[in-house]
Amino acid sequence: MQVKLEQAMWRKEIGWTICGLILACSASSRSNNLLLGRVEASVGSHTVVVTDCYRTAVTPPEKVGGPGEQSDRFTPCRDADVLIRNDELIVNGSSYGLLKQADAVTVDHGKVLINEMVVPAVPRR
């Protein structure tokens, strides 16, 4: 009797786990994967990916700046602020140099990658 009760409880736990995974997967899309904590957006001509960002809804990139400035900002999480100002990549206030057309940017646990290569912040003058 005790074994059957334990098996029933175990099946119930597995059922809830499967339901939770299905729910989490349904909240995921190409631009926002809740399970992996990965968000992705097109920012200007660049694809920007931010990891370790567990949000059910992500604010899309926005155009910012004045008339003579081409600036786009993507802030999917509180600790990830990506600004592309006149092709300069700025992440959380630090510059990472100029981007070329269609460069891919990844912000991964505090590291910044351009085309899958880690890049250091450019020292301020």
PDB file of N, CA and C in Angstrom:
ATOM      1  N   MET A   1       0.825  -1.192   0.000  1.00  0.00           N
ATOM      2  CA  MET A   1       0.000   0.000   0.000  1.00  0.00           C
ATOM      3  C   MET A   1       0.867   1.253   0.000  1.00  0.00           C
ATOM      4  N   GLN A   2       1.897   1.250   0.851  1.00  0.00           N
ATOM      5  CA  GLN A   2       2.799   2.403   0.947  1.00  0.00           C
ATOM      6  C   GLN A   2       3.518   2.633  -0.383  1.00  0.00           C
ATOM      7  N   VAL A   3       3.931   1.553  -1.053  1.00  0.00           N
ATOM      8  CA  VAL A   3       4.643   1.666  -2.328  1.00  0.00           C
ATOM      9  C   VAL A   3       3.735   2.286  -3.385  1.00  0.00           C
ATOM     10  N   LYS A   4       2.478   1.866  -3.438  1.00  0.00           N
ATOM     11  CA  LYS A   4       1.537   2.423  -4.415  1.00  0.00           C
ATOM     12  C   LYS A   4       1.299   3.904  -4.158  1.00  0.00           C
ATOM     13  N   LEU A   5       1.231   4.292  -2.904  1.00  0.00           N
ATOM     14  CA  LEU A   5       1.042   5.697  -2.556  1.00  0.00           C
ATOM     15  C   LEU A   5       2.254   6.517  -2.998  1.00  0.00           C
ATOM     16  N   GLU A   6       3.464   5.996  -2.762  1.00  0.00           N
ATOM     17  CA  GLU A   6       4.682   6.689  -3.183  1.00  0.00           C
ATOM     18  C   GLU A   6       4.749   6.811  -4.706  1.00  0.00           C
ATOM     19  N   GLN A   7       4.353   5.764  -5.423  1.00  0.00           N
ATOM     20  CA  GLN A   7       4.346   5.810  -6.884  1.00  0.00           C
ATOM     21  C   GLN A   7       3.348   6.849  -7.393  1.00  0.00           C
ATOM     22  N   ALA A   8       2.201   6.932  -6.773  1.00  0.00           N
ATOM     23  CA  ALA A   8       1.196   7.919  -7.178  1.00  0.00           C
ATOM     24  C   ALA A   8       1.706   9.337  -6.940  1.00  0.00           C
ATOM     25  N   MET A   9       2.361   9.563  -5.830  1.00  0.00           N
ATOM     26  CA  MET A   9       2.925  10.893  -5.530  1.00  0.00           C
ATOM     27  C   MET A   9       4.015  11.231  -6.544  1.00  0.00           C
ATOM     28  N   TRP A  10       4.857  10.258  -6.881  1.00  0.00           N
ATOM     29  CA  TRP A  10       5.943  10.469  -7.842  1.00  0.00           C
ATOM     30  C   TRP A  10       5.371  10.822  -9.215  1.00  0.00           C
ATOM     31  N   ARG A  11       4.319  10.108  -9.633  1.00  0.00           N
ATOM     32  CA  ARG A  11       3.676  10.399 -10.918  1.00  0.00           C
ATOM     33  C   ARG A  11       3.073  11.805 -10.922  1.00  0.00           C
ATOM     34  N   LYS A  12       2.499  12.190  -9.825  1.00  0.00           N
ATOM     35  CA  LYS A  12       1.920  13.529  -9.722  1.00  0.00           C
ATOM     36  C   LYS A  12       3.010  14.596  -9.856  1.00  0.00           C
ATOM     37  N   GLU A  13       4.159  14.379  -9.194  1.00  0.00           N
ATOM     38  CA  GLU A  13       5.267  15.327  -9.283  1.00  0.00           C
ATOM     39  C   GLU A  13       5.786  15.427 -10.721  1.00  0.00           C
ATOM     40  N   ILE A  14       5.899  14.290 -11.392  1.00  0.00           N
ATOM     41  CA  ILE A  14       6.351  14.299 -12.791  1.00  0.00           C
ATOM     42  C   ILE A  14       5.335  15.030 -13.654  1.00  0.00           C
ATOM     43  N   GLY A  15       4.064  14.810 -13.411  1.00  0.00           N
ATOM     44  CA  GLY A  15       3.017  15.492 -14.173  1.00  0.00           C
ATOM     45  C   GLY A  15       3.110  17.004 -14.012  1.00  0.00           C
ATOM     46  N   TRP A  16       3.321  17.480 -12.809  1.00  0.00           N
ATOM     47  CA  TRP A  16       3.460  18.923 -12.577  1.00  0.00           C
ATOM     48  C   TRP A  16       4.723  19.470 -13.241  1.00  0.00           C
ATOM     49  N   THR A  17       5.800  18.700 -13.208  1.00  0.00           N
ATOM     50  CA  THR A  17       7.034  19.126 -13.856  1.00  0.00           C
ATOM     51  C   THR A  17       6.830  19.262 -15.360  1.00  0.00           C
ATOM     52  N   ILE A  18       6.181  18.294 -15.967  1.00  0.00           N
ATOM     53  CA  ILE A  18       5.909  18.343 -17.410  1.00  0.00           C
ATOM     54  C   ILE A  18       5.012  19.529 -17.735  1.00  0.00           C
ATOM     55  N   CYS A  19       3.992  19.761 -16.927  1.00  0.00           N
ATOM     56  CA  CYS A  19       3.112  20.923 -17.154  1.00  0.00           C
ATOM     57  C   CYS A  19       3.902  22.222 -17.072  1.00  0.00           C
ATOM     58  N   GLY A  20       4.797  22.312 -16.106  1.00  0.00           N
ATOM     59  CA  GLY A  20       5.624  23.516 -15.963  1.00  0.00           C
ATOM     60  C   GLY A  20       6.528  23.731 -17.164  1.00  0.00           C
ATOM     61  N   LEU A  21       7.128  22.660 -17.661  1.00  0.00           N
ATOM     62  CA  LEU A  21       7.996  22.768 -18.840  1.00  0.00           C
ATOM     63  C   LEU A  21       7.196  23.180 -20.073  1.00  0.00           C
ATOM     64  N   ILE A  22       6.017  22.634 -20.237  1.00  0.00           N
ATOM     65  CA  ILE A  22       5.171  23.008 -21.377  1.00  0.00           C
ATOM     66  C   ILE A  22       4.801  24.480 -21.286  1.00  0.00           C
ATOM     67  N   LEU A  23       4.452  24.927 -20.107  1.00  0.00           N
ATOM     68  CA  LEU A  23       4.102  26.335 -19.911  1.00  0.00           C
ATOM     69  C   LEU A  23       5.299  27.240 -20.212  1.00  0.00           C
ATOM     70  N   ALA A  24       6.470  26.865 -19.733  1.00  0.00           N
ATOM     71  CA  ALA A  24       7.669  27.670 -19.982  1.00  0.00           C
ATOM     72  C   ALA A  24       8.021  27.692 -21.469  1.00  0.00           C
ATOM     73  N   CYS A  25       7.863  26.566 -22.126  1.00  0.00           N
ATOM     74  CA  CYS A  25       8.158  26.522 -23.565  1.00  0.00           C
ATOM     75  C   CYS A  25       7.169  27.368 -24.355  1.00  0.00           C
ATOM     76  N   SER A  26       5.937  27.409 -23.921  1.00  0.00           N
ATOM     77  CA  SER A  26       4.956  28.211 -24.645  1.00  0.00           C
ATOM     78  C   SER A  26       5.232  29.700 -24.474  1.00  0.00           C
ATOM     79  N   ALA A  27       5.969  30.083 -23.439  1.00  0.00           N
ATOM     80  CA  ALA A  27       6.324  31.489 -23.226  1.00  0.00           C
ATOM     81  C   ALA A  27       7.597  31.847 -23.982  1.00  0.00           C
ATOM     82  N   SER A  28       8.191  30.895 -24.687  1.00  0.00           N
ATOM     83  CA  SER A  28       9.434  31.127 -25.409  1.00  0.00           C
ATOM     84  C   SER A  28       9.164  31.346 -26.887  1.00  0.00           C
ATOM     85  N   SER A  29      10.017  32.129 -27.507  1.00  0.00           N
ATOM     86  CA  SER A  29       9.955  32.361 -28.939  1.00  0.00           C
ATOM     87  C   SER A  29      11.368  32.578 -29.434  1.00  0.00           C
ATOM     88  N   ARG A  30      11.512  32.845 -30.722  1.00  0.00           N
ATOM     89  CA  ARG A  30      12.845  33.093 -31.264  1.00  0.00           C
ATOM     90  C   ARG A  30      13.479  34.304 -30.598  1.00  0.00           C
ATOM     91  N   SER A  31      12.671  35.298 -30.255  1.00  0.00           N
ATOM     92  CA  SER A  31      13.214  36.513 -29.671  1.00  0.00           C
ATOM     93  C   SER A  31      13.334  36.441 -28.150  1.00  0.00           C
ATOM     94  N   ASN A  32      12.689  35.464 -27.522  1.00  0.00           N
ATOM     95  CA  ASN A  32      12.703  35.402 -26.070  1.00  0.00           C
ATOM     96  C   ASN A  32      12.565  33.953 -25.625  1.00  0.00           C
ATOM     97  N   ASN A  33      13.643  33.363 -25.100  1.00  0.00           N
ATOM     98  CA  ASN A  33      13.601  31.996 -24.625  1.00  0.00           C
ATOM     99  C   ASN A  33      13.678  32.008 -23.108  1.00  0.00           C
ATOM    100  N   LEU A  34      12.528  31.833 -22.475  1.00  0.00           N
ATOM    101  CA  LEU A  34      12.438  31.918 -21.029  1.00  0.00           C
ATOM    102  C   LEU A  34      13.228  30.812 -20.338  1.00  0.00           C
ATOM    103  N   LEU A  35      13.268  29.621 -20.913  1.00  0.00           N
ATOM    104  CA  LEU A  35      14.008  28.515 -20.292  1.00  0.00           C
ATOM    105  C   LEU A  35      15.509  28.775 -20.270  1.00  0.00           C
ATOM    106  N   LEU A  36      16.039  29.289 -21.363  1.00  0.00           N
ATOM    107  CA  LEU A  36      17.486  29.521 -21.443  1.00  0.00           C
ATOM    108  C   LEU A  36      17.881  30.918 -20.983  1.00  0.00           C
ATOM    109  N   GLY A  37      16.906  31.781 -20.753  1.00  0.00           N
ATOM    110  CA  GLY A  37      17.215  33.142 -20.339  1.00  0.00           C
ATOM    111  C   GLY A  37      17.882  33.930 -21.441  1.00  0.00           C
ATOM    112  N   ARG A  38      17.441  33.722 -22.666  1.00  0.00           N
ATOM    113  CA  ARG A  38      18.079  34.331 -23.841  1.00  0.00           C
ATOM    114  C   ARG A  38      17.056  35.181 -24.577  1.00  0.00           C
ATOM    115  N   VAL A  39      17.418  36.443 -24.823  1.00  0.00           N
ATOM    116  CA  VAL A  39      16.563  37.313 -25.619  1.00  0.00           C
ATOM    117  C   VAL A  39      17.345  37.785 -26.836  1.00  0.00           C
ATOM    118  N   GLU A  40      16.640  38.030 -27.915  1.00  0.00           N
ATOM    119  CA  GLU A  40      17.271  38.410 -29.180  1.00  0.00           C
ATOM    120  C   GLU A  40      16.421  39.471 -29.858  1.00  0.00           C
ATOM    121  N   ALA A  41      17.094  40.447 -30.480  1.00  0.00           N
ATOM    122  CA  ALA A  41      16.365  41.486 -31.210  1.00  0.00           C
ATOM    123  C   ALA A  41      17.248  42.041 -32.312  1.00  0.00           C
ATOM    124  N   SER A  42      16.613  42.580 -33.340  1.00  0.00           N
ATOM    125  CA  SER A  42      17.330  43.320 -34.381  1.00  0.00           C
ATOM    126  C   SER A  42      17.416  44.763 -33.921  1.00  0.00           C
ATOM    127  N   VAL A  43      18.641  45.252 -33.803  1.00  0.00           N
ATOM    128  CA  VAL A  43      18.886  46.626 -33.365  1.00  0.00           C
ATOM    129  C   VAL A  43      19.626  47.305 -34.499  1.00  0.00           C
ATOM    130  N   GLY A  44      18.921  48.127 -35.250  1.00  0.00           N
ATOM    131  CA  GLY A  44      19.497  48.675 -36.473  1.00  0.00           C
ATOM    132  C   GLY A  44      19.764  47.521 -37.426  1.00  0.00           C
ATOM    133  N   SER A  45      20.992  47.428 -37.944  1.00  0.00           N
ATOM    134  CA  SER A  45      21.346  46.324 -38.848  1.00  0.00           C
ATOM    135  C   SER A  45      22.003  45.161 -38.111  1.00  0.00           C
ATOM    136  N   HIS A  46      21.945  45.177 -36.794  1.00  0.00           N
ATOM    137  CA  HIS A  46      22.656  44.198 -35.971  1.00  0.00           C
ATOM    138  C   HIS A  46      21.692  43.289 -35.220  1.00  0.00           C
ATOM    139  N   THR A  47      22.087  42.033 -35.064  1.00  0.00           N
ATOM    140  CA  THR A  47      21.358  41.123 -34.202  1.00  0.00           C
ATOM    141  C   THR A  47      22.013  41.181 -32.838  1.00  0.00           C
ATOM    142  N   VAL A  48      21.223  41.481 -31.810  1.00  0.00           N
ATOM    143  CA  VAL A  48      21.736  41.580 -30.446  1.00  0.00           C
ATOM    144  C   VAL A  48      21.091  40.487 -29.611  1.00  0.00           C
ATOM    145  N   VAL A  49      21.939  39.702 -28.935  1.00  0.00           N
ATOM    146  CA  VAL A  49      21.485  38.628 -28.056  1.00  0.00           C
ATOM    147  C   VAL A  49      21.956  38.957 -26.640  1.00  0.00           C
ATOM    148  N   VAL A  50      21.058  38.820 -25.681  1.00  0.00           N
ATOM    149  CA  VAL A  50      21.412  39.013 -24.273  1.00  0.00           C
ATOM    150  C   VAL A  50      21.057  37.729 -23.544  1.00  0.00           C
ATOM    151  N   THR A  51      22.024  37.177 -22.806  1.00  0.00           N
ATOM    152  CA  THR A  51      21.778  35.951 -22.044  1.00  0.00           C
ATOM    153  C   THR A  51      21.547  36.303 -20.576  1.00  0.00           C
ATOM    154  N   ASP A  52      21.141  35.327 -19.812  1.00  0.00           N
ATOM    155  CA  ASP A  52      20.866  35.486 -18.391  1.00  0.00           C
ATOM    156  C   ASP A  52      19.791  36.541 -18.158  1.00  0.00           C
ATOM    157  N   CYS A  53      18.781  36.520 -19.022  1.00  0.00           N
ATOM    158  CA  CYS A  53      17.694  37.496 -18.967  1.00  0.00           C
ATOM    159  C   CYS A  53      16.379  36.724 -18.977  1.00  0.00           C
ATOM    160  N   TYR A  54      15.835  36.491 -17.810  1.00  0.00           N
ATOM    161  CA  TYR A  54      14.642  35.666 -17.681  1.00  0.00           C
ATOM    162  C   TYR A  54      13.412  36.565 -17.568  1.00  0.00           C
ATOM    163  N   ARG A  55      12.870  36.946 -18.710  1.00  0.00           N
ATOM    164  CA  ARG A  55      11.706  37.831 -18.758  1.00  0.00           C
ATOM    165  C   ARG A  55      10.630  37.184 -19.616  1.00  0.00           C
ATOM    166  N   THR A  56       9.389  37.313 -19.208  1.00  0.00           N
ATOM    167  CA  THR A  56       8.301  36.787 -20.028  1.00  0.00           C
ATOM    168  C   THR A  56       7.971  37.736 -21.172  1.00  0.00           C
ATOM    169  N   ALA A  57       8.237  39.024 -20.972  1.00  0.00           N
ATOM    170  CA  ALA A  57       8.020  40.011 -22.029  1.00  0.00           C
ATOM    171  C   ALA A  57       9.220  40.948 -22.072  1.00  0.00           C
ATOM    172  N   VAL A  58       9.669  41.263 -23.267  1.00  0.00           N
ATOM    173  CA  VAL A  58      10.854  42.091 -23.436  1.00  0.00           C
ATOM    174  C   VAL A  58      10.472  43.353 -24.207  1.00  0.00           C
ATOM    175  N   THR A  59      10.941  44.492 -23.730  1.00  0.00           N
ATOM    176  CA  THR A  59      10.702  45.755 -24.427  1.00  0.00           C
ATOM    177  C   THR A  59      11.507  45.750 -25.718  1.00  0.00           C
ATOM    178  N   PRO A  60      10.900  46.063 -26.846  1.00  0.00           N
ATOM    179  CA  PRO A  60      11.644  46.052 -28.113  1.00  0.00           C
ATOM    180  C   PRO A  60      12.646  47.204 -28.184  1.00  0.00           C
ATOM    181  N   PRO A  61      13.626  47.104 -29.084  1.00  0.00           N
ATOM    182  CA  PRO A  61      14.582  48.194 -29.260  1.00  0.00           C
ATOM    183  C   PRO A  61      13.861  49.478 -29.663  1.00  0.00           C
ATOM    184  N   GLU A  62      14.465  50.610 -29.308  1.00  0.00           N
ATOM    185  CA  GLU A  62      13.860  51.889 -29.658  1.00  0.00           C
ATOM    186  C   GLU A  62      14.902  52.832 -30.239  1.00  0.00           C
ATOM    187  N   LYS A  63      14.454  53.705 -31.116  1.00  0.00           N
ATOM    188  CA  LYS A  63      15.309  54.749 -31.670  1.00  0.00           C
ATOM    189  C   LYS A  63      15.405  55.854 -30.633  1.00  0.00           C
ATOM    190  N   VAL A  64      16.619  56.334 -30.377  1.00  0.00           N
ATOM    191  CA  VAL A  64      16.837  57.414 -29.413  1.00  0.00           C
ATOM    192  C   VAL A  64      17.791  58.428 -30.029  1.00  0.00           C
ATOM    193  N   GLY A  65      17.930  59.568 -29.408  1.00  0.00           N
ATOM    194  CA  GLY A  65      18.885  60.566 -29.886  1.00  0.00           C
ATOM    195  C   GLY A  65      18.235  61.621 -30.746  1.00  0.00           C
ATOM    196  N   GLY A  66      19.070  62.561 -31.157  1.00  0.00           N
ATOM    197  CA  GLY A  66      18.598  63.704 -31.930  1.00  0.00           C
ATOM    198  C   GLY A  66      18.584  63.449 -33.420  1.00  0.00           C
ATOM    199  N   PRO A  67      18.282  64.507 -34.199  1.00  0.00           N
ATOM    200  CA  PRO A  67      18.149  64.371 -35.648  1.00  0.00           C
ATOM    201  C   PRO A  67      19.443  63.988 -36.369  1.00  0.00           C
ATOM    202  N   GLY A  68      20.594  64.424 -35.900  1.00  0.00           N
ATOM    203  CA  GLY A  68      21.858  64.111 -36.573  1.00  0.00           C
ATOM    204  C   GLY A  68      22.523  62.859 -36.045  1.00  0.00           C
ATOM    205  N   GLU A  69      21.784  62.068 -35.301  1.00  0.00           N
ATOM    206  CA  GLU A  69      22.368  60.913 -34.624  1.00  0.00           C
ATOM    207  C   GLU A  69      21.549  59.668 -34.935  1.00  0.00           C
ATOM    208  N   GLN A  70      22.214  58.590 -35.269  1.00  0.00           N
ATOM    209  CA  GLN A  70      21.530  57.309 -35.470  1.00  0.00           C
ATOM    210  C   GLN A  70      21.800  56.451 -34.242  1.00  0.00           C
ATOM    211  N   SER A  71      20.839  56.396 -33.362  1.00  0.00           N
ATOM    212  CA  SER A  71      21.013  55.646 -32.117  1.00  0.00           C
ATOM    213  C   SER A  71      19.836  54.725 -31.879  1.00  0.00           C
ATOM    214  N   ASP A  72      20.167  53.512 -31.466  1.00  0.00           N
ATOM    215  CA  ASP A  72      19.160  52.526 -31.094  1.00  0.00           C
ATOM    216  C   ASP A  72      19.539  51.978 -29.729  1.00  0.00           C
ATOM    217  N   ARG A  73      18.530  51.795 -28.867  1.00  0.00           N
ATOM    218  CA  ARG A  73      18.771  51.258 -27.527  1.00  0.00           C
ATOM    219  C   ARG A  73      17.912  50.014 -27.334  1.00  0.00           C
ATOM    220  N   PHE A  74      18.542  48.995 -26.729  1.00  0.00           N
ATOM    221  CA  PHE A  74      17.855  47.753 -26.392  1.00  0.00           C
ATOM    222  C   PHE A  74      18.169  47.449 -24.937  1.00  0.00           C
ATOM    223  N   THR A  75      17.150  47.490 -24.104  1.00  0.00           N
ATOM    224  CA  THR A  75      17.328  47.237 -22.672  1.00  0.00           C
ATOM    225  C   THR A  75      16.345  46.152 -22.243  1.00  0.00           C
ATOM    226  N   PRO A  76      16.671  44.897 -22.547  1.00  0.00           N
ATOM    227  CA  PRO A  76      15.728  43.818 -22.230  1.00  0.00           C
ATOM    228  C   PRO A  76      15.671  43.480 -20.744  1.00  0.00           C
ATOM    229  N   CYS A  77      16.755  43.782 -20.013  1.00  0.00           N
ATOM    230  CA  CYS A  77      16.846  43.462 -18.588  1.00  0.00           C
ATOM    231  C   CYS A  77      17.411  44.662 -17.843  1.00  0.00           C
ATOM    232  N   ARG A  78      17.240  44.669 -16.552  1.00  0.00           N
ATOM    233  CA  ARG A  78      17.760  45.781 -15.753  1.00  0.00           C
ATOM    234  C   ARG A  78      19.274  45.903 -15.843  1.00  0.00           C
ATOM    235  N   ASP A  79      19.966  44.786 -15.997  1.00  0.00           N
ATOM    236  CA  ASP A  79      21.429  44.830 -16.005  1.00  0.00           C
ATOM    237  C   ASP A  79      22.029  44.706 -17.407  1.00  0.00           C
ATOM    238  N   ALA A  80      21.247  44.966 -18.438  1.00  0.00           N
ATOM    239  CA  ALA A  80      21.763  44.918 -19.814  1.00  0.00           C
ATOM    240  C   ALA A  80      21.184  46.092 -20.608  1.00  0.00           C
ATOM    241  N   ASP A  81      22.004  47.114 -20.802  1.00  0.00           N
ATOM    242  CA  ASP A  81      21.608  48.290 -21.575  1.00  0.00           C
ATOM    243  C   ASP A  81      22.534  48.371 -22.784  1.00  0.00           C
ATOM    244  N   VAL A  82      22.010  48.062 -23.959  1.00  0.00           N
ATOM    245  CA  VAL A  82      22.798  48.051 -25.190  1.00  0.00           C
ATOM    246  C   VAL A  82      22.399  49.276 -26.017  1.00  0.00           C
ATOM    247  N   LEU A  83      23.376  50.133 -26.287  1.00  0.00           N
ATOM    248  CA  LEU A  83      23.157  51.331 -27.079  1.00  0.00           C
ATOM    249  C   LEU A  83      24.099  51.281 -28.275  1.00  0.00           C
ATOM    250  N   ILE A  84      23.550  51.480 -29.466  1.00  0.00           N
ATOM    251  CA  ILE A  84      24.373  51.587 -30.674  1.00  0.00           C
ATOM    252  C   ILE A  84      24.173  53.007 -31.181  1.00  0.00           C
ATOM    253  N   ARG A  85      25.231  53.826 -30.995  1.00  0.00           N
ATOM    254  CA  ARG A  85      25.172  55.241 -31.358  1.00  0.00           C
ATOM    255  C   ARG A  85      26.159  55.495 -32.493  1.00  0.00           C
ATOM    256  N   ASN A  86      25.621  55.816 -33.681  1.00  0.00           N
ATOM    257  CA  ASN A  86      26.481  56.063 -34.854  1.00  0.00           C
ATOM    258  C   ASN A  86      27.510  54.946 -35.019  1.00  0.00           C
ATOM    259  N   ASP A  87      27.063  53.703 -34.926  1.00  0.00           N
ATOM    260  CA  ASP A  87      27.877  52.484 -35.077  1.00  0.00           C
ATOM    261  C   ASP A  87      28.790  52.184 -33.892  1.00  0.00           C
ATOM    262  N   GLU A  88      28.789  52.989 -32.844  1.00  0.00           N
ATOM    263  CA  GLU A  88      29.573  52.690 -31.643  1.00  0.00           C
ATOM    264  C   GLU A  88      28.724  51.822 -30.719  1.00  0.00           C
ATOM    265  N   LEU A  89      29.298  50.717 -30.269  1.00  0.00           N
ATOM    266  CA  LEU A  89      28.607  49.812 -29.355  1.00  0.00           C
ATOM    267  C   LEU A  89      28.914  50.228 -27.919  1.00  0.00           C
ATOM    268  N   ILE A  90      27.860  50.521 -27.169  1.00  0.00           N
ATOM    269  CA  ILE A  90      28.000  50.894 -25.763  1.00  0.00           C
ATOM    270  C   ILE A  90      27.116  49.959 -24.956  1.00  0.00           C
ATOM    271  N   VAL A  91      27.726  49.219 -24.030  1.00  0.00           N
ATOM    272  CA  VAL A  91      26.990  48.285 -23.188  1.00  0.00           C
ATOM    273  C   VAL A  91      27.173  48.706 -21.737  1.00  0.00           C
ATOM    274  N   ASN A  92      26.078  48.967 -21.075  1.00  0.00           N
ATOM    275  CA  ASN A  92      26.090  49.395 -19.672  1.00  0.00           C
ATOM    276  C   ASN A  92      27.044  50.567 -19.435  1.00  0.00           C
ATOM    277  N   GLY A  93      27.082  51.495 -20.379  1.00  0.00           N
ATOM    278  CA  GLY A  93      27.894  52.703 -20.231  1.00  0.00           C
ATOM    279  C   GLY A  93      29.333  52.585 -20.700  1.00  0.00           C
ATOM    280  N   SER A  94      29.790  51.386 -21.055  1.00  0.00           N
ATOM    281  CA  SER A  94      31.169  51.193 -21.530  1.00  0.00           C
ATOM    282  C   SER A  94      31.174  51.001 -23.040  1.00  0.00           C
ATOM    283  N   SER A  95      32.117  51.667 -23.706  1.00  0.00           N
ATOM    284  CA  SER A  95      32.227  51.550 -25.161  1.00  0.00           C
ATOM    285  C   SER A  95      33.008  50.295 -25.536  1.00  0.00           C
ATOM    286  N   TYR A  96      32.556  49.645 -26.601  1.00  0.00           N
ATOM    287  CA  TYR A  96      33.231  48.454 -27.113  1.00  0.00           C
ATOM    288  C   TYR A  96      33.662  48.654 -28.564  1.00  0.00           C
ATOM    289  N   GLY A  97      33.794  49.898 -28.976  1.00  0.00           N
ATOM    290  CA  GLY A  97      34.284  50.207 -30.312  1.00  0.00           C
ATOM    291  C   GLY A  97      33.176  50.300 -31.339  1.00  0.00           C
ATOM    292  N   LEU A  98      33.622  50.433 -32.597  1.00  0.00           N
ATOM    293  CA  LEU A  98      32.687  50.604 -33.710  1.00  0.00           C
ATOM    294  C   LEU A  98      32.276  49.256 -34.295  1.00  0.00           C
ATOM    295  N   LEU A  99      31.017  49.186 -34.682  1.00  0.00           N
ATOM    296  CA  LEU A  99      30.499  47.989 -35.332  1.00  0.00           C
ATOM    297  C   LEU A  99      30.517  48.180 -36.839  1.00  0.00           C
ATOM    298  N   LYS A 100      30.692  47.068 -37.537  1.00  0.00           N
ATOM    299  CA  LYS A 100      30.552  47.071 -38.995  1.00  0.00           C
ATOM    300  C   LYS A 100      29.116  46.665 -39.321  1.00  0.00           C
ATOM    301  N   GLN A 101      28.713  46.923 -40.546  1.00  0.00           N
ATOM    302  CA  GLN A 101      27.367  46.572 -40.993  1.00  0.00           C
ATOM    303  C   GLN A 101      27.074  45.098 -40.682  1.00  0.00           C
ATOM    304  N   ALA A 102      25.950  44.831 -40.053  1.00  0.00           N
ATOM    305  CA  ALA A 102      25.439  43.483 -39.765  1.00  0.00           C
ATOM    306  C   ALA A 102      26.278  42.685 -38.766  1.00  0.00           C
ATOM    307  N   ASP A 103      27.162  43.319 -37.986  1.00  0.00           N
ATOM    308  CA  ASP A 103      27.865  42.598 -36.924  1.00  0.00           C
ATOM    309  C   ASP A 103      26.849  42.068 -35.923  1.00  0.00           C
ATOM    310  N   ALA A 104      27.118  40.892 -35.388  1.00  0.00           N
ATOM    311  CA  ALA A 104      26.260  40.293 -34.361  1.00  0.00           C
ATOM    312  C   ALA A 104      26.858  40.594 -32.991  1.00  0.00           C
ATOM    313  N   VAL A 105      26.013  40.988 -32.050  1.00  0.00           N
ATOM    314  CA  VAL A 105      26.452  41.353 -30.700  1.00  0.00           C
ATOM    315  C   VAL A 105      25.815  40.400 -29.705  1.00  0.00           C
ATOM    316  N   THR A 106      26.620  39.921 -28.762  1.00  0.00           N
ATOM    317  CA  THR A 106      26.110  39.087 -27.679  1.00  0.00           C
ATOM    318  C   THR A 106      26.597  39.660 -26.359  1.00  0.00           C
ATOM    319  N   VAL A 107      25.690  39.801 -25.414  1.00  0.00           N
ATOM    320  CA  VAL A 107      26.038  40.187 -24.050  1.00  0.00           C
ATOM    321  C   VAL A 107      25.762  38.953 -23.204  1.00  0.00           C
ATOM    322  N   ASP A 108      26.839  38.326 -22.708  1.00  0.00           N
ATOM    323  CA  ASP A 108      26.739  37.023 -22.062  1.00  0.00           C
ATOM    324  C   ASP A 108      27.383  37.068 -20.678  1.00  0.00           C
ATOM    325  N   HIS A 109      26.565  37.187 -19.650  1.00  0.00           N
ATOM    326  CA  HIS A 109      27.042  37.200 -18.265  1.00  0.00           C
ATOM    327  C   HIS A 109      28.178  38.209 -18.063  1.00  0.00           C
ATOM    328  N   GLY A 110      27.996  39.421 -18.559  1.00  0.00           N
ATOM    329  CA  GLY A 110      28.986  40.479 -18.363  1.00  0.00           C
ATOM    330  C   GLY A 110      30.043  40.564 -19.445  1.00  0.00           C
ATOM    331  N   LYS A 111      30.165  39.550 -20.292  1.00  0.00           N
ATOM    332  CA  LYS A 111      31.110  39.600 -21.414  1.00  0.00           C
ATOM    333  C   LYS A 111      30.382  40.120 -22.639  1.00  0.00           C
ATOM    334  N   VAL A 112      31.113  40.864 -23.460  1.00  0.00           N
ATOM    335  CA  VAL A 112      30.546  41.371 -24.710  1.00  0.00           C
ATOM    336  C   VAL A 112      31.279  40.686 -25.856  1.00  0.00           C
ATOM    337  N   LEU A 113      30.502  40.137 -26.790  1.00  0.00           N
ATOM    338  CA  LEU A 113      31.070  39.466 -27.947  1.00  0.00           C
ATOM    339  C   LEU A 113      30.556  40.143 -29.214  1.00  0.00           C
ATOM    340  N   ILE A 114      31.453  40.330 -30.163  1.00  0.00           N
ATOM    341  CA  ILE A 114      31.073  40.807 -31.490  1.00  0.00           C
ATOM    342  C   ILE A 114      31.446  39.698 -32.458  1.00  0.00           C
ATOM    343  N   ASN A 115      30.454  39.213 -33.175  1.00  0.00           N
ATOM    344  CA  ASN A 115      30.646  38.072 -34.093  1.00  0.00           C
ATOM    345  C   ASN A 115      31.315  36.903 -33.375  1.00  0.00           C
ATOM    346  N   GLU A 116      30.831  36.623 -32.171  1.00  0.00           N
ATOM    347  CA  GLU A 116      31.264  35.491 -31.339  1.00  0.00           C
ATOM    348  C   GLU A 116      32.693  35.597 -30.821  1.00  0.00           C
ATOM    349  N   MET A 117      33.278  36.779 -30.884  1.00  0.00           N
ATOM    350  CA  MET A 117      34.631  36.997 -30.344  1.00  0.00           C
ATOM    351  C   MET A 117      34.521  37.975 -29.171  1.00  0.00           C
ATOM    352  N   VAL A 118      35.087  37.593 -28.016  1.00  0.00           N
ATOM    353  CA  VAL A 118      35.046  38.463 -26.846  1.00  0.00           C
ATOM    354  C   VAL A 118      35.855  39.720 -27.144  1.00  0.00           C
ATOM    355  N   VAL A 119      35.277  40.877 -26.814  1.00  0.00           N
ATOM    356  CA  VAL A 119      35.974  42.150 -27.018  1.00  0.00           C
ATOM    357  C   VAL A 119      36.048  42.889 -25.681  1.00  0.00           C
ATOM    358  N   PRO A 120      37.184  43.556 -25.438  1.00  0.00           N
ATOM    359  CA  PRO A 120      37.300  44.327 -24.192  1.00  0.00           C
ATOM    360  C   PRO A 120      36.665  45.705 -24.355  1.00  0.00           C
ATOM    361  N   ALA A 121      36.335  46.319 -23.239  1.00  0.00           N
ATOM    362  CA  ALA A 121      35.849  47.699 -23.272  1.00  0.00           C
ATOM    363  C   ALA A 121      36.992  48.612 -23.690  1.00  0.00           C
ATOM    364  N   VAL A 122      36.632  49.665 -24.418  1.00  0.00           N
ATOM    365  CA  VAL A 122      37.617  50.645 -24.855  1.00  0.00           C
ATOM    366  C   VAL A 122      37.833  51.622 -23.709  1.00  0.00           C
ATOM    367  N   PRO A 123      39.106  51.808 -23.280  1.00  0.00           N
ATOM    368  CA  PRO A 123      39.349  52.744 -22.173  1.00  0.00           C
ATOM    369  C   PRO A 123      38.936  54.163 -22.558  1.00  0.00           C
ATOM    370  N   ARG A 124      38.372  54.859 -21.593  1.00  0.00           N
ATOM    371  CA  ARG A 124      37.978  56.253 -21.816  1.00  0.00           C
ATOM    372  C   ARG A 124      39.200  57.149 -21.763  1.00  0.00           C
ATOM    373  N   ARG A 125      39.140  58.208 -22.568  1.00  0.00           N
ATOM    374  CA  ARG A 125      40.285  59.143 -22.589  1.00  0.00           C
ATOM    375  C   ARG A 125      40.140  60.230 -21.588  1.00  0.00           C
TER     376      ARG A 125
END
